[in-house]
Amino acid sequence: MNITILIILLAGMVVSAAACVMMRNLLHAAIMLAITSAILAVAMFVLNAPLAGVFELSVCAGLITVIFVSAISMTKTYTKEELKIKSRVRLKRFAFLPVVLIVVFVVLCAFIWPHLDASLQAAGIAQAGSNVQDTIWNKRQIDLLGQIIIILAGVFGVVIFFKESEKK
């Protein structure tokens, strides 16, 4: 496994997650969240966890994004004065974020990074996994059922959102 690719993916995920939190436009934030989720799904594939990657990509990057975009389309817009007040409050809430990111980076570099590759190989993650088709259909049927229920609930939720907005 190429640890450099994993580090690049994780760094991209942190950057996109931070951008998602700092965005003013909710639609752009929802799209950044989908990008974060897609990068996480790719990282799961790199870590040889294709089942988790498929679930992450389909539910989080796909379905949740559709639900967020639908909900955002039904929210009200604020005046410029209200936005200025909210912007000041938001910036105060995230003033500690650079310090937290630096601490997390130092902890990763000092304690986790040197042992990461050895622990992944010991856990068998770096080796080739079992057949995904066999895992989904024969060993993880309840997970598959849960995935189907979540997707259907999301689809019905989006349909209800749009029906309610048409009535108004």
Protein backbone atom coordinates (compact mmCIF):
# COMPACT_ATOMS: atom_id res chain seq x y z
CA MET A 1 0.00 0.00 0.00
CA ASN A 2 1.28 3.42 -0.83
CA ILE A 3 1.11 5.45 2.36
CA THR A 4 1.80 8.68 0.46
CA ILE A 5 -1.47 8.38 -1.47
CA LEU A 6 -3.33 7.80 1.78
CA ILE A 7 -1.75 10.85 3.42
CA ILE A 8 -2.61 13.01 0.39
CA LEU A 9 -6.22 11.78 0.50
CA LEU A 10 -6.53 12.42 4.22
CA ALA A 11 -5.01 15.89 3.88
CA GLY A 12 -7.46 16.65 1.07
CA MET A 13 -10.28 15.41 3.24
CA VAL A 14 -9.26 17.70 6.11
CA VAL A 15 -8.99 20.68 3.77
CA SER A 16 -12.37 20.03 2.17
CA ALA A 17 -14.01 19.47 5.57
CA ALA A 18 -12.56 22.75 6.86
CA ALA A 19 -13.76 24.52 3.72
CA CYS A 20 -17.20 22.99 4.24
CA VAL A 21 -17.41 24.37 7.76
CA MET A 22 -16.19 27.83 6.77
CA MET A 23 -18.43 28.31 3.71
CA ARG A 24 -21.09 31.01 3.94
CA ASN A 25 -23.23 29.65 1.16
CA LEU A 26 -25.08 26.55 2.34
CA LEU A 27 -25.25 25.04 -1.12
CA HIS A 28 -21.48 25.32 -1.51
CA ALA A 29 -21.05 23.83 1.98
CA ALA A 30 -23.23 20.85 1.04
CA ILE A 31 -21.16 20.31 -2.10
CA MET A 32 -17.92 20.51 -0.08
CA LEU A 33 -19.37 17.95 2.33
CA ALA A 34 -20.06 15.65 -0.62
CA ILE A 35 -16.48 16.13 -1.81
CA THR A 36 -15.20 15.32 1.69
CA SER A 37 -17.29 12.16 1.71
CA ALA A 38 -16.10 11.18 -1.76
CA ILE A 39 -12.46 11.59 -0.72
CA LEU A 40 -13.16 9.47 2.36
CA ALA A 41 -14.68 6.79 0.12
CA VAL A 42 -11.56 6.78 -2.07
CA ALA A 43 -9.41 6.48 1.07
CA MET A 44 -11.48 3.49 2.12
CA PHE A 45 -10.85 1.87 -1.26
CA VAL A 46 -7.12 2.55 -0.87
CA LEU A 47 -7.26 0.91 2.57
CA ASN A 48 -8.80 -2.16 0.93
CA ALA A 49 -12.27 -1.63 2.43
CA PRO A 50 -14.40 -1.49 -0.72
CA LEU A 51 -17.64 -2.32 1.08
CA ALA A 52 -17.28 0.64 3.42
CA GLY A 53 -16.22 2.81 0.47
CA VAL A 54 -19.32 1.90 -1.52
CA PHE A 55 -21.61 2.64 1.44
CA GLU A 56 -19.85 5.96 2.12
CA LEU A 57 -20.08 7.01 -1.50
CA SER A 58 -23.69 6.01 -2.04
CA VAL A 59 -25.23 7.19 1.23
CA CYS A 60 -23.07 10.09 2.39
CA ALA A 61 -21.80 11.56 -0.87
CA GLY A 62 -24.99 10.85 -2.78
CA LEU A 63 -28.14 10.61 -0.71
CA ILE A 64 -27.22 12.97 2.12
CA THR A 65 -26.13 15.62 -0.38
CA VAL A 66 -29.48 15.38 -2.17
CA ILE A 67 -31.32 15.76 1.13
CA PHE A 68 -29.19 18.76 2.14
CA VAL A 69 -29.66 20.47 -1.23
CA SER A 70 -33.40 19.88 -0.99
CA ALA A 71 -33.57 21.32 2.52
CA ILE A 72 -31.41 24.30 1.55
CA SER A 73 -33.72 25.11 -1.33
CA MET A 74 -36.55 25.51 1.19
CA THR A 75 -34.78 27.85 3.62
CA LYS A 76 -35.16 31.61 3.79
CA THR A 77 -32.49 34.13 2.92
CA TYR A 78 -31.16 36.71 5.38
CA THR A 79 -30.67 40.44 4.92
CA LYS A 80 -27.17 41.91 4.75
CA GLU A 81 -27.38 43.17 8.32
CA GLU A 82 -28.40 39.75 9.62
CA LEU A 83 -25.57 38.14 7.66
CA LYS A 84 -23.00 40.53 9.15
CA ILE A 85 -24.10 39.68 12.68
CA LYS A 86 -24.11 35.94 11.96
CA SER A 87 -20.71 36.18 10.28
CA ARG A 88 -19.12 37.76 13.37
CA VAL A 89 -20.57 35.09 15.61
CA ARG A 90 -19.45 32.32 13.25
CA LEU A 91 -15.88 33.59 13.09
CA LYS A 92 -15.70 33.73 16.88
CA ARG A 93 -16.88 30.12 17.10
CA PHE A 94 -14.12 28.87 14.81
CA ALA A 95 -11.24 30.97 16.13
CA PHE A 96 -9.78 27.90 17.86
CA LEU A 97 -9.82 25.76 14.69
CA PRO A 98 -6.23 26.52 13.51
CA VAL A 99 -4.88 25.59 16.95
CA VAL A 100 -6.81 22.32 16.95
CA LEU A 101 -5.56 21.46 13.45
CA ILE A 102 -1.94 22.13 14.48
CA VAL A 103 -2.29 19.97 17.60
CA VAL A 104 -3.85 17.13 15.58
CA PHE A 105 -1.07 17.37 12.99
CA VAL A 106 1.65 17.27 15.67
CA VAL A 107 0.03 14.27 17.37
CA LEU A 108 -0.28 12.45 14.05
CA CYS A 109 3.32 13.11 13.11
CA ALA A 110 4.77 12.31 16.52
CA PHE A 111 2.77 9.30 17.65
CA ILE A 112 0.67 7.73 14.90
CA TRP A 113 2.63 8.23 11.68
CA PRO A 114 5.70 6.10 12.64
CA HIS A 115 3.52 3.11 13.56
CA LEU A 116 0.81 3.42 10.91
CA ASP A 117 2.20 1.17 8.18
CA ALA A 118 3.19 -1.60 10.62
CA SER A 119 -0.20 -1.57 12.34
CA LEU A 120 -2.06 -1.68 9.02
CA GLN A 121 -0.05 -4.69 7.90
CA ALA A 122 -0.56 -6.42 11.26
CA ALA A 123 -4.32 -5.91 10.97
CA GLY A 124 -4.32 -7.37 7.46
CA ILE A 125 -5.65 -4.15 5.91
CA ALA A 126 -2.72 -3.77 3.57
CA GLN A 127 -3.18 -7.27 2.16
CA ALA A 128 -5.72 -8.23 -0.47
CA GLY A 129 -9.19 -8.64 1.03
CA SER A 130 -11.87 -11.21 0.38
CA ASN A 131 -14.21 -11.09 -2.57
CA VAL A 132 -16.54 -8.09 -2.19
CA GLN A 133 -19.44 -9.83 -3.89
CA ASP A 134 -19.19 -12.77 -1.50
CA THR A 135 -18.97 -10.42 1.47
CA ILE A 136 -22.02 -8.37 0.48
CA TRP A 137 -24.35 -11.21 -0.51
CA ASN A 138 -23.31 -13.97 1.88
CA LYS A 139 -21.78 -12.43 5.00
CA ARG A 140 -23.22 -8.90 5.36
CA GLN A 141 -26.86 -9.24 4.34
CA ILE A 142 -28.14 -7.16 7.27
CA ASP A 143 -25.81 -4.31 6.28
CA LEU A 144 -27.13 -4.53 2.73
CA LEU A 145 -30.72 -4.42 4.02
CA GLY A 146 -29.87 -1.39 6.15
CA GLN A 147 -28.30 0.31 3.13
CA ILE A 148 -31.44 -0.29 1.06
CA ILE A 149 -33.70 1.03 3.85
CA ILE A 150 -31.59 4.17 4.26
CA ILE A 151 -31.60 4.89 0.53
CA LEU A 152 -35.35 4.36 0.24
CA ALA A 153 -36.04 6.52 3.30
CA GLY A 154 -33.92 9.27 1.80
CA VAL A 155 -35.64 9.06 -1.56
CA PHE A 156 -39.08 9.20 0.08
CA GLY A 157 -37.91 12.11 2.25
CA VAL A 158 -36.79 14.08 -0.80
CA VAL A 159 -40.10 13.36 -2.54
CA ILE A 160 -42.00 14.59 0.53
CA PHE A 161 -39.82 17.74 0.67
CA PHE A 162 -40.66 18.59 -2.93
CA LYS A 163 -44.35 17.82 -2.52
CA GLU A 164 -44.52 20.14 0.53
CA SER A 165 -42.76 22.95 -1.34
CA GLU A 166 -45.15 22.62 -4.30
CA LYS A 167 -48.18 23.04 -1.99
CA LYS A 168 -46.84 26.35 -0.65
